[in-house]
Amino acid sequence: MREGEETMQVKVDPEEIKRIKAEIESLEKEKKEVQAKLDELQKELNIWIQKRDEKNNEVKQLRQKAREFKAKRDEINNQIQELKKNREEINAKLDLLYQEILEYRTKRDEYNQLRRLKMPSEKIQERIEKLEWELQTNPTITPEREKQIVDQIQVLATELEIIQQAERFHQKLQEARKKVESLKKARRAISMEIQKLANQSQQFHEQMIKAFNQADEVKKEADGYHAKVIEIRDKMKEVRRELREIERKIMEFDEKHKELIAYKMVARMRARKDSSFEKAVEALEKFKRGEKLTLDELLLLQRYNLV
């Protein structure tokens, strides 16, 4: 008897077939339970992923808001720097004006110290005009009187020049003081604007810090959810390995079950002395050995449902 025939004449125990079928049913039940567990883990995973993604989106929004606050703060700080620059320019102008004021006051006081007459400029001018009139209209004026008048006019004219110079420097002094007051007023306005902007900058800075801190806190929550995601994924890996192992066992038992059924069928067919079936068995043995089958042999295998 050939090797294939010996294999196909193995005695089949019906109880063994029942036991294997029971094992398959038990494994299928276990597979459903494990698959259900995997499905539950997937649902739980989806929940944690959603929570994590929502928190990460919240973090993104908070950080964007913080960046907007920072941009506004920086914009205001740039305005403050420009205003400070303008204020420094005003301070430089004031320093020059203070120096001019000191010079104008000194010059004015110096001219005032040169004065010899306690007489206003109008009276001096009137006196000069009277003396000039006398000089021009008195035909009998003596040389001594003429010299006296000329000397007086010269003294008065010098006094008038001193007064005019003192008044000129006093006028310059007053104009410089007005410029000082105007610049100081502008400086006060700039300082008030700087303080106003500084308060706004501080508010935006505090809002920026608050938003960044909130983002950090929410990020911690998101990281906690992500850790949960990783934990569940690790569990799912274990469950999938368990599921694959069960499926492997089911496949092994299923193959054995099919083999025993095939043996049983072979025995039945041989009992009927079916020559075509004998050829199908030989073709099955060739197929198991990896040998090439003819079309007729393939048809025989399909006919007896051996493949």
C-alpha atoms as a PDB file:
ATOM      1  CA  MET A   1       0.000   0.000   0.000  1.00  0.00           C
ATOM      2  CA  ARG A   2       1.299   3.479  -0.864  1.00  0.00           C
ATOM      3  CA  GLU A   3       2.135   6.203   1.693  1.00  0.00           C
ATOM      4  CA  GLY A   4      -0.878   8.382   0.740  1.00  0.00           C
ATOM      5  CA  GLU A   5      -3.220   5.437   1.159  1.00  0.00           C
ATOM      6  CA  GLU A   6      -1.771   4.649   4.586  1.00  0.00           C
ATOM      7  CA  THR A   7      -2.341   8.262   5.640  1.00  0.00           C
ATOM      8  CA  MET A   8      -5.906   8.305   4.402  1.00  0.00           C
ATOM      9  CA  GLN A   9      -6.685   5.030   6.234  1.00  0.00           C
ATOM     10  CA  VAL A  10      -5.973   6.557   9.650  1.00  0.00           C
ATOM     11  CA  LYS A  11      -8.760   5.601  12.006  1.00  0.00           C
ATOM     12  CA  VAL A  12     -10.936   8.599  12.823  1.00  0.00           C
ATOM     13  CA  ASP A  13     -12.369   8.854  16.339  1.00  0.00           C
ATOM     14  CA  PRO A  14     -15.785  10.610  16.211  1.00  0.00           C
ATOM     15  CA  GLU A  15     -15.262  11.817  19.804  1.00  0.00           C
ATOM     16  CA  GLU A  16     -12.037  13.520  18.722  1.00  0.00           C
ATOM     17  CA  ILE A  17     -13.964  15.390  16.029  1.00  0.00           C
ATOM     18  CA  LYS A  18     -16.532  16.465  18.633  1.00  0.00           C
ATOM     19  CA  ARG A  19     -13.796  17.551  21.042  1.00  0.00           C
ATOM     20  CA  ILE A  20     -12.069  19.628  18.374  1.00  0.00           C
ATOM     21  CA  LYS A  21     -15.376  21.169  17.324  1.00  0.00           C
ATOM     22  CA  ALA A  22     -16.095  22.033  20.960  1.00  0.00           C
ATOM     23  CA  GLU A  23     -12.616  23.609  21.244  1.00  0.00           C
ATOM     24  CA  ILE A  24     -13.321  25.699  18.140  1.00  0.00           C
ATOM     25  CA  GLU A  25     -16.680  26.830  19.535  1.00  0.00           C
ATOM     26  CA  SER A  26     -15.058  27.700  22.863  1.00  0.00           C
ATOM     27  CA  LEU A  27     -12.297  29.632  21.098  1.00  0.00           C
ATOM     28  CA  GLU A  28     -14.844  31.426  18.905  1.00  0.00           C
ATOM     29  CA  LYS A  29     -16.710  32.486  22.040  1.00  0.00           C
ATOM     30  CA  GLU A  30     -13.469  33.635  23.614  1.00  0.00           C
ATOM     31  CA  LYS A  31     -12.638  35.477  20.384  1.00  0.00           C
ATOM     32  CA  LYS A  32     -15.947  37.355  20.542  1.00  0.00           C
ATOM     33  CA  GLU A  33     -15.282  38.302  24.160  1.00  0.00           C
ATOM     34  CA  VAL A  34     -11.780  39.526  23.337  1.00  0.00           C
ATOM     35  CA  GLN A  35     -13.059  41.370  20.269  1.00  0.00           C
ATOM     36  CA  ALA A  36     -15.751  42.999  22.424  1.00  0.00           C
ATOM     37  CA  LYS A  37     -13.039  44.007  24.898  1.00  0.00           C
ATOM     38  CA  LEU A  38     -11.012  45.444  22.023  1.00  0.00           C
ATOM     39  CA  ASP A  39     -14.063  47.344  20.760  1.00  0.00           C
ATOM     40  CA  GLU A  40     -14.658  48.788  24.239  1.00  0.00           C
ATOM     41  CA  LEU A  41     -11.036  49.843  24.463  1.00  0.00           C
ATOM     42  CA  GLN A  42     -11.355  51.482  21.030  1.00  0.00           C
ATOM     43  CA  LYS A  43     -14.396  53.437  22.224  1.00  0.00           C
ATOM     44  CA  GLU A  44     -12.542  54.507  25.355  1.00  0.00           C
ATOM     45  CA  LEU A  45      -9.515  55.417  23.252  1.00  0.00           C
ATOM     46  CA  ASN A  46     -11.664  57.584  20.971  1.00  0.00           C
ATOM     47  CA  ILE A  47     -13.028  59.441  23.994  1.00  0.00           C
ATOM     48  CA  TRP A  48      -9.554  60.186  25.370  1.00  0.00           C
ATOM     49  CA  ILE A  49      -8.282  61.164  21.917  1.00  0.00           C
ATOM     50  CA  GLN A  50     -11.187  63.589  21.553  1.00  0.00           C
ATOM     51  CA  LYS A  51     -10.508  65.079  24.989  1.00  0.00           C
ATOM     52  CA  ARG A  52      -6.799  65.369  24.226  1.00  0.00           C
ATOM     53  CA  ASP A  53      -7.411  66.985  20.841  1.00  0.00           C
ATOM     54  CA  GLU A  54      -9.939  69.426  22.338  1.00  0.00           C
ATOM     55  CA  LYS A  55      -7.419  70.455  25.002  1.00  0.00           C
ATOM     56  CA  ASN A  56      -4.618  70.759  22.449  1.00  0.00           C
ATOM     57  CA  ASN A  57      -6.887  72.964  20.340  1.00  0.00           C
ATOM     58  CA  GLU A  58      -7.623  75.052  23.428  1.00  0.00           C
ATOM     59  CA  VAL A  59      -3.868  75.336  24.045  1.00  0.00           C
ATOM     60  CA  LYS A  60      -3.397  76.474  20.451  1.00  0.00           C
ATOM     61  CA  GLN A  61      -6.096  79.141  20.824  1.00  0.00           C
ATOM     62  CA  LEU A  62      -4.714  80.390  24.153  1.00  0.00           C
ATOM     63  CA  ARG A  63      -1.191  80.640  22.776  1.00  0.00           C
ATOM     64  CA  GLN A  64      -2.497  82.473  19.712  1.00  0.00           C
ATOM     65  CA  LYS A  65      -4.321  84.892  22.012  1.00  0.00           C
ATOM     66  CA  ALA A  66      -1.135  85.315  24.074  1.00  0.00           C
ATOM     67  CA  ARG A  67       0.844  86.086  20.904  1.00  0.00           C
ATOM     68  CA  GLU A  68      -1.780  88.683  19.940  1.00  0.00           C
ATOM     69  CA  PHE A  69      -1.473  90.319  23.379  1.00  0.00           C
ATOM     70  CA  LYS A  70       2.315  90.284  23.003  1.00  0.00           C
ATOM     71  CA  ALA A  71       2.083  91.922  19.563  1.00  0.00           C
ATOM     72  CA  LYS A  72      -0.153  94.677  20.981  1.00  0.00           C
ATOM     73  CA  ARG A  73       2.184  95.142  23.938  1.00  0.00           C
ATOM     74  CA  ASP A  74       5.217  95.381  21.652  1.00  0.00           C
ATOM     75  CA  GLU A  75       3.418  97.819  19.359  1.00  0.00           C
ATOM     76  CA  ILE A  76       2.609 100.062  22.321  1.00  0.00           C
ATOM     77  CA  ASN A  77       6.168  99.754  23.634  1.00  0.00           C
ATOM     78  CA  ASN A  78       7.431 100.936  20.243  1.00  0.00           C
ATOM     79  CA  GLN A  79       5.127 103.958  20.515  1.00  0.00           C
ATOM     80  CA  ILE A  80       6.472 104.605  24.013  1.00  0.00           C
ATOM     81  CA  GLN A  81      10.037 104.473  22.726  1.00  0.00           C
ATOM     82  CA  GLU A  82       9.183 107.014  20.016  1.00  0.00           C
ATOM     83  CA  LEU A  83       7.544 109.279  22.603  1.00  0.00           C
ATOM     84  CA  LYS A  84      10.561 108.968  24.900  1.00  0.00           C
ATOM     85  CA  LYS A  85      12.774 109.872  21.967  1.00  0.00           C
ATOM     86  CA  ASN A  86      10.617 112.962  21.357  1.00  0.00           C
ATOM     87  CA  ARG A  87      10.790 113.821  25.051  1.00  0.00           C
ATOM     88  CA  GLU A  88      14.573 113.544  24.998  1.00  0.00           C
ATOM     89  CA  GLU A  89      14.656 115.889  22.010  1.00  0.00           C
ATOM     90  CA  ILE A  90      12.527 118.342  23.975  1.00  0.00           C
ATOM     91  CA  ASN A  91      14.896 118.026  26.965  1.00  0.00           C
ATOM     92  CA  ALA A  92      17.819 118.779  24.663  1.00  0.00           C
ATOM     93  CA  LYS A  93      16.007 121.888  23.355  1.00  0.00           C
ATOM     94  CA  LEU A  94      15.194 122.941  26.924  1.00  0.00           C
ATOM     95  CA  ASP A  95      18.840 122.609  27.909  1.00  0.00           C
ATOM     96  CA  LEU A  96      19.775 124.973  25.066  1.00  0.00           C
ATOM     97  CA  LEU A  97      16.983 127.376  26.028  1.00  0.00           C
ATOM     98  CA  TYR A  98      18.048 127.376  29.680  1.00  0.00           C
ATOM     99  CA  GLN A  99      21.536 128.257  28.521  1.00  0.00           C
ATOM    100  CA  GLU A 100      20.143 131.045  26.316  1.00  0.00           C
ATOM    101  CA  ILE A 101      17.990 132.340  29.186  1.00  0.00           C
ATOM    102  CA  LEU A 102      21.039 132.512  31.409  1.00  0.00           C
ATOM    103  CA  GLU A 103      22.950 134.434  28.732  1.00  0.00           C
ATOM    104  CA  TYR A 104      20.059 136.822  27.988  1.00  0.00           C
ATOM    105  CA  ARG A 105      19.511 137.521  31.694  1.00  0.00           C
ATOM    106  CA  THR A 106      23.215 138.111  32.215  1.00  0.00           C
ATOM    107  CA  LYS A 107      23.388 140.492  29.254  1.00  0.00           C
ATOM    108  CA  ARG A 108      20.264 142.349  30.363  1.00  0.00           C
ATOM    109  CA  ASP A 109      21.583 142.761  33.895  1.00  0.00           C
ATOM    110  CA  GLU A 110      24.960 143.882  32.615  1.00  0.00           C
ATOM    111  CA  TYR A 111      23.316 146.623  30.516  1.00  0.00           C
ATOM    112  CA  ASN A 112      21.079 147.624  33.404  1.00  0.00           C
ATOM    113  CA  GLN A 113      24.161 148.026  35.581  1.00  0.00           C
ATOM    114  CA  LEU A 114      25.605 150.440  32.991  1.00  0.00           C
ATOM    115  CA  ARG A 115      22.667 152.826  33.339  1.00  0.00           C
ATOM    116  CA  ARG A 116      23.411 156.198  34.976  1.00  0.00           C
ATOM    117  CA  LEU A 117      20.002 157.874  34.808  1.00  0.00           C
ATOM    118  CA  LYS A 118      16.865 156.900  36.671  1.00  0.00           C
ATOM    119  CA  MET A 119      14.726 157.883  33.731  1.00  0.00           C
ATOM    120  CA  PRO A 120      12.545 155.866  31.364  1.00  0.00           C
ATOM    121  CA  SER A 121      13.491 155.696  27.713  1.00  0.00           C
ATOM    122  CA  GLU A 122      10.492 157.879  26.681  1.00  0.00           C
ATOM    123  CA  LYS A 123      11.681 160.727  28.901  1.00  0.00           C
ATOM    124  CA  ILE A 124      15.223 160.342  27.619  1.00  0.00           C
ATOM    125  CA  GLN A 125      13.956 160.481  24.023  1.00  0.00           C
ATOM    126  CA  GLU A 126      11.936 163.623  24.816  1.00  0.00           C
ATOM    127  CA  ARG A 127      14.970 165.204  26.439  1.00  0.00           C
ATOM    128  CA  ILE A 128      17.129 164.425  23.391  1.00  0.00           C
ATOM    129  CA  GLU A 129      14.533 165.909  21.074  1.00  0.00           C
ATOM    130  CA  LYS A 130      14.327 169.122  23.162  1.00  0.00           C
ATOM    131  CA  LEU A 131      18.085 169.536  23.199  1.00  0.00           C
ATOM    132  CA  GLU A 132      18.298 168.905  19.451  1.00  0.00           C
ATOM    133  CA  TRP A 133      15.527 171.425  18.908  1.00  0.00           C
ATOM    134  CA  GLU A 134      17.346 173.994  20.996  1.00  0.00           C
ATOM    135  CA  LEU A 135      20.522 173.302  19.111  1.00  0.00           C
ATOM    136  CA  GLN A 136      18.807 173.738  15.773  1.00  0.00           C
ATOM    137  CA  THR A 137      16.599 176.741  16.586  1.00  0.00           C
ATOM    138  CA  ASN A 138      18.685 178.978  18.859  1.00  0.00           C
ATOM    139  CA  PRO A 139      20.721 181.278  16.660  1.00  0.00           C
ATOM    140  CA  THR A 140      22.353 182.994  19.613  1.00  0.00           C
ATOM    141  CA  ILE A 141      23.584 179.824  21.239  1.00  0.00           C
ATOM    142  CA  THR A 142      27.098 180.143  22.581  1.00  0.00           C
ATOM    143  CA  PRO A 143      29.838 177.657  21.778  1.00  0.00           C
ATOM    144  CA  GLU A 144      29.947 176.611  25.420  1.00  0.00           C
ATOM    145  CA  ARG A 145      26.197 175.943  25.436  1.00  0.00           C
ATOM    146  CA  GLU A 146      26.422 174.143  22.114  1.00  0.00           C
ATOM    147  CA  LYS A 147      29.161 171.868  23.471  1.00  0.00           C
ATOM    148  CA  GLN A 148      27.167 171.325  26.630  1.00  0.00           C
ATOM    149  CA  ILE A 149      24.095 170.322  24.583  1.00  0.00           C
ATOM    150  CA  VAL A 150      26.107 167.966  22.347  1.00  0.00           C
ATOM    151  CA  ASP A 151      27.661 166.331  25.413  1.00  0.00           C
ATOM    152  CA  GLN A 152      24.249 165.933  27.018  1.00  0.00           C
ATOM    153  CA  ILE A 153      22.780 164.460  23.828  1.00  0.00           C
ATOM    154  CA  GLN A 154      25.678 161.995  23.628  1.00  0.00           C
ATOM    155  CA  VAL A 155      25.188 160.943  27.253  1.00  0.00           C
ATOM    156  CA  LEU A 156      21.449 160.600  26.764  1.00  0.00           C
ATOM    157  CA  ALA A 157      21.879 158.708  23.478  1.00  0.00           C
ATOM    158  CA  THR A 158      24.311 156.312  25.163  1.00  0.00           C
ATOM    159  CA  GLU A 159      21.850 155.829  28.014  1.00  0.00           C
ATOM    160  CA  LEU A 160      19.066 155.238  25.512  1.00  0.00           C
ATOM    161  CA  GLU A 161      21.186 152.656  23.675  1.00  0.00           C
ATOM    162  CA  ILE A 162      21.912 150.888  26.962  1.00  0.00           C
ATOM    163  CA  ILE A 163      18.193 150.819  27.781  1.00  0.00           C
ATOM    164  CA  GLN A 164      17.306 149.507  24.311  1.00  0.00           C
ATOM    165  CA  GLN A 165      19.943 146.780  24.524  1.00  0.00           C
ATOM    166  CA  ALA A 166      18.710 145.795  27.989  1.00  0.00           C
ATOM    167  CA  GLU A 167      15.133 145.724  26.690  1.00  0.00           C
ATOM    168  CA  ARG A 168      16.191 143.714  23.640  1.00  0.00           C
ATOM    169  CA  PHE A 169      17.836 141.040  25.790  1.00  0.00           C
ATOM    170  CA  HIS A 170      14.861 141.177  28.156  1.00  0.00           C
ATOM    171  CA  GLN A 171      12.565 140.566  25.166  1.00  0.00           C
ATOM    172  CA  LYS A 172      14.729 137.636  24.069  1.00  0.00           C
ATOM    173  CA  LEU A 173      14.611 136.370  27.646  1.00  0.00           C
ATOM    174  CA  GLN A 174      10.807 136.546  27.667  1.00  0.00           C
ATOM    175  CA  GLU A 175      10.555 134.793  24.292  1.00  0.00           C
ATOM    176  CA  ALA A 176      12.907 132.028  25.491  1.00  0.00           C
ATOM    177  CA  ARG A 177      10.833 131.604  28.646  1.00  0.00           C
ATOM    178  CA  LYS A 178       7.657 131.281  26.545  1.00  0.00           C
ATOM    179  CA  LYS A 179       9.363 128.616  24.431  1.00  0.00           C
ATOM    180  CA  VAL A 180      10.398 126.853  27.645  1.00  0.00           C
ATOM    181  CA  GLU A 181       6.817 126.863  28.924  1.00  0.00           C
ATOM    182  CA  SER A 182       5.542 125.602  25.569  1.00  0.00           C
ATOM    183  CA  LEU A 183       8.104 122.810  25.470  1.00  0.00           C
ATOM    184  CA  LYS A 184       7.469 121.895  29.110  1.00  0.00           C
ATOM    185  CA  LYS A 185       3.747 121.713  28.333  1.00  0.00           C
ATOM    186  CA  ALA A 186       4.489 119.439  25.358  1.00  0.00           C
ATOM    187  CA  ARG A 187       6.790 117.357  27.560  1.00  0.00           C
ATOM    188  CA  ARG A 188       4.087 116.986  30.213  1.00  0.00           C
ATOM    189  CA  ALA A 189       1.628 115.874  27.514  1.00  0.00           C
ATOM    190  CA  ILE A 190       4.161 113.337  26.226  1.00  0.00           C
ATOM    191  CA  SER A 191       4.823 112.076  29.770  1.00  0.00           C
ATOM    192  CA  MET A 192       1.085 111.666  30.375  1.00  0.00           C
ATOM    193  CA  GLU A 193       0.734 109.808  27.059  1.00  0.00           C
ATOM    194  CA  ILE A 194       3.712 107.604  27.964  1.00  0.00           C
ATOM    195  CA  GLN A 195       2.114 106.788  31.317  1.00  0.00           C
ATOM    196  CA  LYS A 196      -1.206 106.030  29.638  1.00  0.00           C
ATOM    197  CA  LEU A 197       0.462 103.750  27.084  1.00  0.00           C
ATOM    198  CA  ALA A 198       2.622 102.153  29.785  1.00  0.00           C
ATOM    199  CA  ASN A 199      -0.562 101.199  31.669  1.00  0.00           C
ATOM    200  CA  GLN A 200      -2.011  99.696  28.481  1.00  0.00           C
ATOM    201  CA  SER A 201       1.264  97.879  27.807  1.00  0.00           C
ATOM    202  CA  GLN A 202       1.221  96.470  31.341  1.00  0.00           C
ATOM    203  CA  GLN A 203      -2.367  95.283  30.872  1.00  0.00           C
ATOM    204  CA  PHE A 204      -1.515  93.521  27.614  1.00  0.00           C
ATOM    205  CA  HIS A 205       1.612  92.064  29.249  1.00  0.00           C
ATOM    206  CA  GLU A 206      -0.429  90.678  32.152  1.00  0.00           C
ATOM    207  CA  GLN A 207      -3.044  89.295  29.718  1.00  0.00           C
ATOM    208  CA  MET A 208      -0.225  87.682  27.707  1.00  0.00           C
ATOM    209  CA  ILE A 209       1.272  86.073  30.828  1.00  0.00           C
ATOM    210  CA  LYS A 210      -2.172  84.910  31.942  1.00  0.00           C
ATOM    211  CA  ALA A 211      -2.920  83.371  28.533  1.00  0.00           C
ATOM    212  CA  PHE A 212       0.466  81.609  28.399  1.00  0.00           C
ATOM    213  CA  ASN A 213      -0.021  80.292  31.963  1.00  0.00           C
ATOM    214  CA  GLN A 214      -3.519  79.076  31.088  1.00  0.00           C
ATOM    215  CA  ALA A 215      -2.091  77.405  27.986  1.00  0.00           C
ATOM    216  CA  ASP A 216       0.524  75.646  30.145  1.00  0.00           C
ATOM    217  CA  GLU A 217      -2.152  74.429  32.565  1.00  0.00           C
ATOM    218  CA  VAL A 218      -4.383  73.164  29.748  1.00  0.00           C
ATOM    219  CA  LYS A 219      -1.311  71.548  28.120  1.00  0.00           C
ATOM    220  CA  LYS A 220      -0.763  69.564  31.330  1.00  0.00           C
ATOM    221  CA  GLU A 221      -4.350  68.293  31.038  1.00  0.00           C
ATOM    222  CA  ALA A 222      -3.784  67.451  27.372  1.00  0.00           C
ATOM    223  CA  ASP A 223      -0.558  65.602  28.270  1.00  0.00           C
ATOM    224  CA  GLY A 224      -2.475  63.662  30.927  1.00  0.00           C
ATOM    225  CA  TYR A 225      -5.070  62.664  28.338  1.00  0.00           C
ATOM    226  CA  HIS A 226      -2.296  61.728  25.914  1.00  0.00           C
ATOM    227  CA  ALA A 227      -0.727  59.496  28.571  1.00  0.00           C
ATOM    228  CA  LYS A 228      -4.119  57.807  28.892  1.00  0.00           C
ATOM    229  CA  VAL A 229      -4.209  57.375  25.095  1.00  0.00           C
ATOM    230  CA  ILE A 230      -0.803  55.679  25.167  1.00  0.00           C
ATOM    231  CA  GLU A 231      -1.875  53.480  28.095  1.00  0.00           C
ATOM    232  CA  ILE A 232      -5.017  52.311  26.268  1.00  0.00           C
ATOM    233  CA  ARG A 233      -3.102  51.743  23.029  1.00  0.00           C
ATOM    234  CA  ASP A 234      -0.654  49.539  24.925  1.00  0.00           C
ATOM    235  CA  LYS A 235      -3.591  47.584  26.335  1.00  0.00           C
ATOM    236  CA  MET A 236      -5.041  47.258  22.845  1.00  0.00           C
ATOM    237  CA  LYS A 237      -1.728  45.887  21.572  1.00  0.00           C
ATOM    238  CA  GLU A 238      -1.863  43.197  24.253  1.00  0.00           C
ATOM    239  CA  VAL A 239      -5.503  42.417  23.437  1.00  0.00           C
ATOM    240  CA  ARG A 240      -4.726  42.252  19.710  1.00  0.00           C
ATOM    241  CA  ARG A 241      -1.863  39.832  20.439  1.00  0.00           C
ATOM    242  CA  GLU A 242      -4.291  37.771  22.510  1.00  0.00           C
ATOM    243  CA  LEU A 243      -6.826  37.922  19.647  1.00  0.00           C
ATOM    244  CA  ARG A 244      -4.241  36.837  17.074  1.00  0.00           C
ATOM    245  CA  GLU A 245      -3.218  33.938  19.309  1.00  0.00           C
ATOM    246  CA  ILE A 246      -6.862  32.829  19.615  1.00  0.00           C
ATOM    247  CA  GLU A 247      -7.324  33.128  15.834  1.00  0.00           C
ATOM    248  CA  ARG A 248      -4.147  31.077  15.334  1.00  0.00           C
ATOM    249  CA  LYS A 249      -5.485  28.359  17.610  1.00  0.00           C
ATOM    250  CA  ILE A 250      -8.871  28.451  15.858  1.00  0.00           C
ATOM    251  CA  MET A 251      -7.103  28.059  12.519  1.00  0.00           C
ATOM    252  CA  GLU A 252      -5.054  25.120  13.825  1.00  0.00           C
ATOM    253  CA  PHE A 253      -8.108  23.373  15.261  1.00  0.00           C
ATOM    254  CA  ASP A 254     -10.099  24.190  12.142  1.00  0.00           C
ATOM    255  CA  GLU A 255      -7.414  22.669   9.942  1.00  0.00           C
ATOM    256  CA  LYS A 256      -7.301  19.578  12.142  1.00  0.00           C
ATOM    257  CA  HIS A 257     -11.090  19.395  12.112  1.00  0.00           C
ATOM    258  CA  LYS A 258     -11.137  19.598   8.320  1.00  0.00           C
ATOM    259  CA  GLU A 259      -8.420  16.976   8.124  1.00  0.00           C
ATOM    260  CA  LEU A 260     -10.331  14.572  10.362  1.00  0.00           C
ATOM    261  CA  ILE A 261     -13.489  15.178   8.369  1.00  0.00           C
ATOM    262  CA  ALA A 262     -11.505  14.509   5.206  1.00  0.00           C
ATOM    263  CA  TYR A 263     -10.155  11.265   6.699  1.00  0.00           C
ATOM    264  CA  LYS A 264     -13.687  10.280   7.599  1.00  0.00           C
ATOM    265  CA  MET A 265     -14.864  11.044   4.079  1.00  0.00           C
ATOM    266  CA  VAL A 266     -11.962   9.087   2.599  1.00  0.00           C
ATOM    267  CA  ALA A 267     -12.832   6.084   4.682  1.00  0.00           C
ATOM    268  CA  ARG A 268     -16.450   6.317   3.640  1.00  0.00           C
ATOM    269  CA  MET A 269     -15.612   6.671  -0.027  1.00  0.00           C
ATOM    270  CA  ARG A 270     -13.110   3.822   0.076  1.00  0.00           C
ATOM    271  CA  ALA A 271     -15.724   1.675   1.683  1.00  0.00           C
ATOM    272  CA  ARG A 272     -17.851   2.360  -1.401  1.00  0.00           C
ATOM    273  CA  LYS A 273     -14.847   1.476  -3.607  1.00  0.00           C
ATOM    274  CA  ASP A 274     -15.108   4.765  -5.574  1.00  0.00           C
ATOM    275  CA  SER A 275     -12.188   4.699  -8.049  1.00  0.00           C
ATOM    276  CA  SER A 276     -12.547   8.401  -8.889  1.00  0.00           C
ATOM    277  CA  PHE A 277     -12.265   9.265  -5.238  1.00  0.00           C
ATOM    278  CA  GLU A 278      -9.058   7.198  -5.014  1.00  0.00           C
ATOM    279  CA  LYS A 279      -7.608   9.365  -7.755  1.00  0.00           C
ATOM    280  CA  ALA A 280      -8.786  12.485  -5.918  1.00  0.00           C
ATOM    281  CA  VAL A 281      -6.977  11.251  -2.789  1.00  0.00           C
ATOM    282  CA  GLU A 282      -3.794  10.750  -4.777  1.00  0.00           C
ATOM    283  CA  ALA A 283      -4.166  14.261  -6.217  1.00  0.00           C
ATOM    284  CA  LEU A 284      -4.616  15.647  -2.672  1.00  0.00           C
ATOM    285  CA  GLU A 285      -1.379  13.973  -1.566  1.00  0.00           C
ATOM    286  CA  LYS A 286       0.429  15.493  -4.552  1.00  0.00           C
ATOM    287  CA  PHE A 287      -1.041  18.895  -3.641  1.00  0.00           C
ATOM    288  CA  LYS A 288       0.214  18.558  -0.061  1.00  0.00           C
ATOM    289  CA  ARG A 289       3.692  17.704  -1.326  1.00  0.00           C
ATOM    290  CA  GLY A 290       3.656  20.840  -3.485  1.00  0.00           C
ATOM    291  CA  GLU A 291       3.652  18.958  -6.783  1.00  0.00           C
ATOM    292  CA  LYS A 292       2.008  20.389  -9.887  1.00  0.00           C
ATOM    293  CA  LEU A 293      -1.548  19.068 -10.564  1.00  0.00           C
ATOM    294  CA  THR A 294      -3.282  18.495 -13.850  1.00  0.00           C
ATOM    295  CA  LEU A 295      -6.596  20.122 -14.662  1.00  0.00           C
ATOM    296  CA  ASP A 296      -8.416  16.784 -14.193  1.00  0.00           C
ATOM    297  CA  GLU A 297      -6.823  16.373 -10.761  1.00  0.00           C
ATOM    298  CA  LEU A 298      -7.915  19.888  -9.739  1.00  0.00           C
ATOM    299  CA  LEU A 299     -11.443  19.143 -10.892  1.00  0.00           C
ATOM    300  CA  LEU A 300     -11.461  15.900  -8.856  1.00  0.00           C
ATOM    301  CA  LEU A 301     -10.335  17.787  -5.725  1.00  0.00           C
ATOM    302  CA  GLN A 302     -13.126  20.325  -6.225  1.00  0.00           C
ATOM    303  CA  ARG A 303     -15.641  17.569  -6.950  1.00  0.00           C
ATOM    304  CA  TYR A 304     -14.989  15.865  -3.609  1.00  0.00           C
ATOM    305  CA  ASN A 305     -14.513  19.204  -1.788  1.00  0.00           C
ATOM    306  CA  LEU A 306     -10.959  18.275  -0.733  1.00  0.00           C
ATOM    307  CA  VAL A 307      -9.537  21.793  -1.298  1.00  0.00           C
END
